[in-house]
PDB file of N, CA and C in Angstrom:
ATOM      1  N   UNK A   1     -88.334  51.336 170.821  1.00  0.00           N
ATOM      2  CA  UNK A   1     -89.452  51.472 169.915  1.00  0.00           C
ATOM      3  C   UNK A   1     -89.669  52.948 169.618  1.00  0.00           C
ATOM      4  N   UNK A   2     -89.916  53.296 168.367  1.00  0.00           N
ATOM      5  CA  UNK A   2     -90.095  54.676 167.947  1.00  0.00           C
ATOM      6  C   UNK A   2     -91.544  55.077 168.131  1.00  0.00           C
ATOM      7  N   UNK A   3     -91.775  56.223 168.755  1.00  0.00           N
ATOM      8  CA  UNK A   3     -93.112  56.765 168.934  1.00  0.00           C
ATOM      9  C   UNK A   3     -93.531  57.441 167.642  1.00  0.00           C
ATOM     10  N   UNK A   4     -94.391  56.786 166.869  1.00  0.00           N
ATOM     11  CA  UNK A   4     -94.779  57.319 165.567  1.00  0.00           C
ATOM     12  C   UNK A   4     -95.864  58.377 165.665  1.00  0.00           C
ATOM     13  N   UNK A   5     -96.346  58.694 166.859  1.00  0.00           N
ATOM     14  CA  UNK A   5     -97.373  59.715 167.004  1.00  0.00           C
ATOM     15  C   UNK A   5     -96.775  61.111 167.080  1.00  0.00           C
ATOM     16  N   UNK A   6     -95.500  61.201 167.361  1.00  0.00           N
ATOM     17  CA  UNK A   6     -94.892  62.532 167.465  1.00  0.00           C
ATOM     18  C   UNK A   6     -94.539  63.062 166.081  1.00  0.00           C
ATOM     19  N   UNK A   7     -94.432  64.346 165.977  1.00  0.00           N
ATOM     20  CA  UNK A   7     -94.106  64.977 164.692  1.00  0.00           C
ATOM     21  C   UNK A   7     -92.686  64.625 164.278  1.00  0.00           C
ATOM     22  N   UNK A   8     -92.490  64.488 162.979  1.00  0.00           N
ATOM     23  CA  UNK A   8     -91.156  64.200 162.454  1.00  0.00           C
ATOM     24  C   UNK A   8     -90.277  65.424 162.681  1.00  0.00           C
ATOM     25  N   UNK A   9     -89.093  65.248 163.258  1.00  0.00           N
ATOM     26  CA  UNK A   9     -88.210  66.390 163.495  1.00  0.00           C
ATOM     27  C   UNK A   9     -87.695  66.982 162.190  1.00  0.00           C
ATOM     28  N   UNK A  10     -87.203  68.176 162.253  1.00  0.00           N
ATOM     29  CA  UNK A  10     -86.616  68.798 161.075  1.00  0.00           C
ATOM     30  C   UNK A  10     -85.401  68.001 160.646  1.00  0.00           C
ATOM     31  N   UNK A  11     -85.175  67.866 159.333  1.00  0.00           N
ATOM     32  CA  UNK A  11     -84.008  67.112 158.874  1.00  0.00           C
ATOM     33  C   UNK A  11     -82.727  67.635 159.505  1.00  0.00           C
ATOM     34  N   UNK A  12     -81.896  66.697 159.952  1.00  0.00           N
ATOM     35  CA  UNK A  12     -80.594  67.055 160.477  1.00  0.00           C
ATOM     36  C   UNK A  12     -80.556  67.402 161.957  1.00  0.00           C
ATOM     37  N   UNK A  13     -81.702  67.425 162.628  1.00  0.00           N
ATOM     38  CA  UNK A  13     -81.686  67.767 164.042  1.00  0.00           C
ATOM     39  C   UNK A  13     -81.296  66.552 164.871  1.00  0.00           C
ATOM     40  N   UNK A  14     -80.880  66.791 166.080  1.00  0.00           N
ATOM     41  CA  UNK A  14     -80.420  65.710 166.955  1.00  0.00           C
ATOM     42  C   UNK A  14     -81.526  64.706 167.251  1.00  0.00           C
ATOM     43  N   UNK A  15     -82.793  65.103 167.183  1.00  0.00           N
ATOM     44  CA  UNK A  15     -83.904  64.200 167.450  1.00  0.00           C
ATOM     45  C   UNK A  15     -84.307  63.359 166.252  1.00  0.00           C
ATOM     46  N   UNK A  16     -83.594  63.466 165.171  1.00  0.00           N
ATOM     47  CA  UNK A  16     -83.924  62.743 163.948  1.00  0.00           C
ATOM     48  C   UNK A  16     -83.484  61.293 164.088  1.00  0.00           C
ATOM     49  N   UNK A  17     -84.457  60.376 164.192  1.00  0.00           N
ATOM     50  CA  UNK A  17     -84.132  58.976 164.448  1.00  0.00           C
ATOM     51  C   UNK A  17     -83.626  58.227 163.220  1.00  0.00           C
ATOM     52  N   UNK A  18     -83.455  58.913 162.097  1.00  0.00           N
ATOM     53  CA  UNK A  18     -82.980  58.236 160.894  1.00  0.00           C
ATOM     54  C   UNK A  18     -81.492  57.915 160.952  1.00  0.00           C
ATOM     55  N   UNK A  19     -80.761  58.581 161.827  1.00  0.00           N
ATOM     56  CA  UNK A  19     -79.335  58.304 162.019  1.00  0.00           C
ATOM     57  C   UNK A  19     -79.092  58.065 163.502  1.00  0.00           C
ATOM     58  N   UNK A  20     -78.430  56.977 163.804  1.00  0.00           N
ATOM     59  CA  UNK A  20     -78.056  56.672 165.184  1.00  0.00           C
ATOM     60  C   UNK A  20     -76.758  57.411 165.483  1.00  0.00           C
ATOM     61  N   UNK A  21     -76.870  58.565 166.118  1.00  0.00           N
ATOM     62  CA  UNK A  21     -75.712  59.413 166.383  1.00  0.00           C
ATOM     63  C   UNK A  21     -74.707  58.746 167.313  1.00  0.00           C
ATOM     64  N   UNK A  22     -75.179  57.846 168.166  1.00  0.00           N
ATOM     65  CA  UNK A  22     -74.273  57.118 169.062  1.00  0.00           C
ATOM     66  C   UNK A  22     -73.400  56.142 168.271  1.00  0.00           C
ATOM     67  N   UNK A  23     -73.967  55.561 167.230  1.00  0.00           N
ATOM     68  CA  UNK A  23     -73.244  54.569 166.436  1.00  0.00           C
ATOM     69  C   UNK A  23     -72.348  55.200 165.377  1.00  0.00           C
ATOM     70  N   UNK A  24     -72.704  56.369 164.886  1.00  0.00           N
ATOM     71  CA  UNK A  24     -71.963  57.001 163.787  1.00  0.00           C
ATOM     72  C   UNK A  24     -70.533  57.312 164.205  1.00  0.00           C
ATOM     73  N   UNK A  25     -69.585  56.926 163.353  1.00  0.00           N
ATOM     74  CA  UNK A  25     -68.175  57.208 163.618  1.00  0.00           C
ATOM     75  C   UNK A  25     -67.628  58.306 162.710  1.00  0.00           C
ATOM     76  N   UNK A  26     -68.491  58.876 161.859  1.00  0.00           N
ATOM     77  CA  UNK A  26     -68.075  59.984 161.016  1.00  0.00           C
ATOM     78  C   UNK A  26     -67.183  59.598 159.853  1.00  0.00           C
ATOM     79  N   UNK A  27     -67.360  58.405 159.309  1.00  0.00           N
ATOM     80  CA  UNK A  27     -66.507  57.957 158.200  1.00  0.00           C
ATOM     81  C   UNK A  27     -66.722  58.763 156.923  1.00  0.00           C
ATOM     82  N   UNK A  28     -67.921  59.310 156.753  1.00  0.00           N
ATOM     83  CA  UNK A  28     -68.223  60.081 155.547  1.00  0.00           C
ATOM     84  C   UNK A  28     -68.717  59.241 154.380  1.00  0.00           C
ATOM     85  N   UNK A  29     -68.862  57.934 154.578  1.00  0.00           N
ATOM     86  CA  UNK A  29     -69.379  57.098 153.496  1.00  0.00           C
ATOM     87  C   UNK A  29     -70.763  57.553 153.044  1.00  0.00           C
ATOM     88  N   UNK A  30     -71.598  57.961 153.967  1.00  0.00           N
ATOM     89  CA  UNK A  30     -72.944  58.407 153.605  1.00  0.00           C
ATOM     90  C   UNK A  30     -72.882  59.642 152.711  1.00  0.00           C
ATOM     91  N   UNK A  31     -71.967  60.542 153.008  1.00  0.00           N
ATOM     92  CA  UNK A  31     -71.802  61.748 152.193  1.00  0.00           C
ATOM     93  C   UNK A  31     -71.306  61.380 150.802  1.00  0.00           C
ATOM     94  N   UNK A  32     -70.445  60.397 150.723  1.00  0.00           N
ATOM     95  CA  UNK A  32     -69.943  59.934 149.433  1.00  0.00           C
ATOM     96  C   UNK A  32     -71.069  59.347 148.583  1.00  0.00           C
ATOM     97  N   UNK A  33     -71.891  58.474 149.179  1.00  0.00           N
ATOM     98  CA  UNK A  33     -72.929  57.778 148.429  1.00  0.00           C
ATOM     99  C   UNK A  33     -74.179  58.614 148.215  1.00  0.00           C
ATOM    100  N   UNK A  34     -74.485  59.548 149.093  1.00  0.00           N
ATOM    101  CA  UNK A  34     -75.701  60.362 148.967  1.00  0.00           C
ATOM    102  C   UNK A  34     -75.416  61.801 149.396  1.00  0.00           C
ATOM    103  N   UNK A  35     -74.596  62.524 148.619  1.00  0.00           N
ATOM    104  CA  UNK A  35     -74.201  63.880 149.017  1.00  0.00           C
ATOM    105  C   UNK A  35     -75.353  64.886 149.049  1.00  0.00           C
ATOM    106  N   UNK A  36     -76.446  64.597 148.358  1.00  0.00           N
ATOM    107  CA  UNK A  36     -77.596  65.507 148.384  1.00  0.00           C
ATOM    108  C   UNK A  36     -78.463  65.305 149.615  1.00  0.00           C
ATOM    109  N   UNK A  37     -78.182  64.260 150.383  1.00  0.00           N
ATOM    110  CA  UNK A  37     -78.987  63.942 151.561  1.00  0.00           C
ATOM    111  C   UNK A  37     -78.190  64.098 152.857  1.00  0.00           C
ATOM    112  N   UNK A  38     -76.938  63.629 152.872  1.00  0.00           N
ATOM    113  CA  UNK A  38     -76.155  63.593 154.106  1.00  0.00           C
ATOM    114  C   UNK A  38     -75.024  64.618 154.119  1.00  0.00           C
ATOM    115  N   UNK A  39     -74.648  65.011 155.315  1.00  0.00           N
ATOM    116  CA  UNK A  39     -73.477  65.848 155.561  1.00  0.00           C
ATOM    117  C   UNK A  39     -72.938  65.451 156.930  1.00  0.00           C
ATOM    118  N   UNK A  40     -71.717  65.835 157.204  1.00  0.00           N
ATOM    119  CA  UNK A  40     -71.177  65.664 158.551  1.00  0.00           C
ATOM    120  C   UNK A  40     -71.347  66.988 159.281  1.00  0.00           C
ATOM    121  N   UNK A  41     -71.876  66.926 160.488  1.00  0.00           N
ATOM    122  CA  UNK A  41     -72.108  68.156 161.248  1.00  0.00           C
ATOM    123  C   UNK A  41     -70.820  68.638 161.906  1.00  0.00           C
ATOM    124  N   UNK A  42     -70.912  69.659 162.722  1.00  0.00           N
ATOM    125  CA  UNK A  42     -69.740  70.243 163.378  1.00  0.00           C
ATOM    126  C   UNK A  42     -69.017  69.262 164.305  1.00  0.00           C
ATOM    127  N   UNK A  43     -69.735  68.235 164.750  1.00  0.00           N
ATOM    128  CA  UNK A  43     -69.141  67.207 165.608  1.00  0.00           C
ATOM    129  C   UNK A  43     -68.563  66.053 164.803  1.00  0.00           C
ATOM    130  N   UNK A  44     -68.665  66.126 163.462  1.00  0.00           N
ATOM    131  CA  UNK A  44     -68.170  65.047 162.613  1.00  0.00           C
ATOM    132  C   UNK A  44     -69.105  63.857 162.544  1.00  0.00           C
ATOM    133  N   UNK A  45     -70.357  64.068 162.911  1.00  0.00           N
ATOM    134  CA  UNK A  45     -71.370  63.016 162.914  1.00  0.00           C
ATOM    135  C   UNK A  45     -72.316  63.252 161.739  1.00  0.00           C
ATOM    136  N   UNK A  46     -72.778  62.157 161.129  1.00  0.00           N
ATOM    137  CA  UNK A  46     -73.684  62.266 159.989  1.00  0.00           C
ATOM    138  C   UNK A  46     -74.971  62.979 160.380  1.00  0.00           C
ATOM    139  N   UNK A  47     -75.436  63.817 159.473  1.00  0.00           N
ATOM    140  CA  UNK A  47     -76.719  64.487 159.648  1.00  0.00           C
ATOM    141  C   UNK A  47     -77.396  64.554 158.290  1.00  0.00           C
ATOM    142  N   UNK A  48     -78.666  64.855 158.324  1.00  0.00           N
ATOM    143  CA  UNK A  48     -79.433  64.952 157.088  1.00  0.00           C
ATOM    144  C   UNK A  48     -79.565  66.421 156.744  1.00  0.00           C
ATOM    145  N   UNK A  49     -79.106  66.773 155.550  1.00  0.00           N
ATOM    146  CA  UNK A  49     -79.164  68.177 155.158  1.00  0.00           C
ATOM    147  C   UNK A  49     -80.007  68.379 153.913  1.00  0.00           C
ATOM    148  N   UNK A  50     -80.504  67.309 153.338  1.00  0.00           N
ATOM    149  CA  UNK A  50     -81.320  67.420 152.139  1.00  0.00           C
ATOM    150  C   UNK A  50     -82.503  66.473 152.196  1.00  0.00           C
ATOM    151  N   UNK A  51     -83.418  66.665 151.268  1.00  0.00           N
ATOM    152  CA  UNK A  51     -84.622  65.852 151.198  1.00  0.00           C
ATOM    153  C   UNK A  51     -84.289  64.501 150.569  1.00  0.00           C
ATOM    154  N   UNK A  52     -84.546  63.403 151.283  1.00  0.00           N
ATOM    155  CA  UNK A  52     -84.245  62.091 150.716  1.00  0.00           C
ATOM    156  C   UNK A  52     -85.174  61.679 149.575  1.00  0.00           C
ATOM    157  N   UNK A  53     -86.288  62.388 149.405  1.00  0.00           N
ATOM    158  CA  UNK A  53     -87.209  62.061 148.319  1.00  0.00           C
ATOM    159  C   UNK A  53     -86.482  62.162 146.983  1.00  0.00           C
ATOM    160  N   UNK A  54     -86.627  61.143 146.189  1.00  0.00           N
ATOM    161  CA  UNK A  54     -85.961  61.106 144.903  1.00  0.00           C
ATOM    162  C   UNK A  54     -84.537  60.586 144.969  1.00  0.00           C
ATOM    163  N   UNK A  55     -84.057  60.309 146.169  1.00  0.00           N
ATOM    164  CA  UNK A  55     -82.691  59.819 146.356  1.00  0.00           C
ATOM    165  C   UNK A  55     -82.685  58.477 147.098  1.00  0.00           C
ATOM    166  N   UNK A  56     -83.771  57.729 146.986  1.00  0.00           N
ATOM    167  CA  UNK A  56     -83.903  56.485 147.736  1.00  0.00           C
ATOM    168  C   UNK A  56     -82.771  55.499 147.438  1.00  0.00           C
ATOM    169  N   UNK A  57     -82.392  55.362 146.182  1.00  0.00           N
ATOM    170  CA  UNK A  57     -81.320  54.424 145.840  1.00  0.00           C
ATOM    171  C   UNK A  57     -79.998  54.838 146.477  1.00  0.00           C
ATOM    172  N   UNK A  58     -79.715  56.139 146.483  1.00  0.00           N
ATOM    173  CA  UNK A  58     -78.479  56.620 147.090  1.00  0.00           C
ATOM    174  C   UNK A  58     -78.498  56.428 148.604  1.00  0.00           C
ATOM    175  N   UNK A  59     -79.659  56.673 149.226  1.00  0.00           N
ATOM    176  CA  UNK A  59     -79.768  56.484 150.682  1.00  0.00           C
ATOM    177  C   UNK A  59     -79.557  55.008 151.028  1.00  0.00           C
ATOM    178  N   UNK A  60     -80.138  54.128 150.242  1.00  0.00           N
ATOM    179  CA  UNK A  60     -79.948  52.690 150.483  1.00  0.00           C
ATOM    180  C   UNK A  60     -78.473  52.302 150.314  1.00  0.00           C
ATOM    181  N   UNK A  61     -77.826  52.859 149.312  1.00  0.00           N
ATOM    182  CA  UNK A  61     -76.403  52.574 149.090  1.00  0.00           C
ATOM    183  C   UNK A  61     -75.569  53.103 150.259  1.00  0.00           C
ATOM    184  N   UNK A  62     -75.915  54.287 150.742  1.00  0.00           N
ATOM    185  CA  UNK A  62     -75.203  54.861 151.890  1.00  0.00           C
ATOM    186  C   UNK A  62     -75.376  53.974 153.115  1.00  0.00           C
ATOM    187  N   UNK A  63     -76.599  53.502 153.353  1.00  0.00           N
ATOM    188  CA  UNK A  63     -76.854  52.638 154.506  1.00  0.00           C
ATOM    189  C   UNK A  63     -76.088  51.322 154.375  1.00  0.00           C
ATOM    190  N   UNK A  64     -76.067  50.773 153.177  1.00  0.00           N
ATOM    191  CA  UNK A  64     -75.364  49.511 152.933  1.00  0.00           C
ATOM    192  C   UNK A  64     -73.863  49.652 153.201  1.00  0.00           C
ATOM    193  N   UNK A  65     -73.321  50.830 152.923  1.00  0.00           N
ATOM    194  CA  UNK A  65     -71.882  51.052 153.057  1.00  0.00           C
ATOM    195  C   UNK A  65     -71.475  51.739 154.355  1.00  0.00           C
ATOM    196  N   UNK A  66     -72.418  51.949 155.250  1.00  0.00           N
ATOM    197  CA  UNK A  66     -72.097  52.548 156.549  1.00  0.00           C
ATOM    198  C   UNK A  66     -71.389  51.505 157.405  1.00  0.00           C
ATOM    199  N   UNK A  67     -70.158  51.785 157.837  1.00  0.00           N
ATOM    200  CA  UNK A  67     -69.406  50.773 158.589  1.00  0.00           C
ATOM    201  C   UNK A  67     -70.004  50.436 159.950  1.00  0.00           C
ATOM    202  N   UNK A  68     -70.823  51.323 160.511  1.00  0.00           N
ATOM    203  CA  UNK A  68     -71.414  51.046 161.827  1.00  0.00           C
ATOM    204  C   UNK A  68     -72.922  50.822 161.756  1.00  0.00           C
ATOM    205  N   UNK A  69     -73.467  50.823 160.544  1.00  0.00           N
ATOM    206  CA  UNK A  69     -74.914  50.625 160.335  1.00  0.00           C
ATOM    207  C   UNK A  69     -75.729  51.672 161.100  1.00  0.00           C
ATOM    208  N   UNK A  70     -75.263  52.905 161.088  1.00  0.00           N
ATOM    209  CA  UNK A  70     -75.923  53.988 161.822  1.00  0.00           C
ATOM    210  C   UNK A  70     -77.133  54.560 161.091  1.00  0.00           C
ATOM    211  N   UNK A  71     -77.273  54.271 159.797  1.00  0.00           N
ATOM    212  CA  UNK A  71     -78.403  54.789 159.028  1.00  0.00           C
ATOM    213  C   UNK A  71     -79.548  53.794 159.142  1.00  0.00           C
ATOM    214  N   UNK A  72     -80.687  54.275 159.589  1.00  0.00           N
ATOM    215  CA  UNK A  72     -81.846  53.414 159.828  1.00  0.00           C
ATOM    216  C   UNK A  72     -82.840  53.558 158.681  1.00  0.00           C
ATOM    217  N   UNK A  73     -82.765  52.652 157.741  1.00  0.00           N
ATOM    218  CA  UNK A  73     -83.618  52.717 156.556  1.00  0.00           C
ATOM    219  C   UNK A  73     -85.097  52.648 156.896  1.00  0.00           C
ATOM    220  N   UNK A  74     -85.460  51.878 157.912  1.00  0.00           N
ATOM    221  CA  UNK A  74     -86.869  51.770 158.268  1.00  0.00           C
ATOM    222  C   UNK A  74     -87.448  53.131 158.691  1.00  0.00           C
ATOM    223  N   UNK A  75     -86.621  53.997 159.230  1.00  0.00           N
ATOM    224  CA  UNK A  75     -87.077  55.328 159.621  1.00  0.00           C
ATOM    225  C   UNK A  75     -87.117  56.278 158.434  1.00  0.00           C
ATOM    226  N   UNK A  76     -86.334  56.009 157.397  1.00  0.00           N
ATOM    227  CA  UNK A  76     -86.366  56.820 156.182  1.00  0.00           C
ATOM    228  C   UNK A  76     -87.616  56.536 155.365  1.00  0.00           C
ATOM    229  N   UNK A  77     -87.938  55.278 155.220  1.00  0.00           N
ATOM    230  CA  UNK A  77     -88.966  54.861 154.278  1.00  0.00           C
ATOM    231  C   UNK A  77     -90.135  54.203 154.993  1.00  0.00           C
ATOM    232  N   UNK A  78     -90.878  55.011 155.718  1.00  0.00           N
ATOM    233  CA  UNK A  78     -92.049  54.514 156.450  1.00  0.00           C
ATOM    234  C   UNK A  78     -93.232  54.480 155.526  1.00  0.00           C
TER     235      UNK A  78
END
């Protein structure tokens, strides 16, 4: 369960619950579908590098096409 009382972490940080870093296999599909929002970090794991505001359709498409379902839409769109 996510503790919603804590402050939202900075985009792309390891504490960002919008991407399940354990599940991510680094396929790059998220970067393909939403390049203004996602990037692969130095470990080859998806991270958030841009503001998802205004890119909701692309984020949803990225989540739909993630082979490991590592993108958590419920955490993006609270």
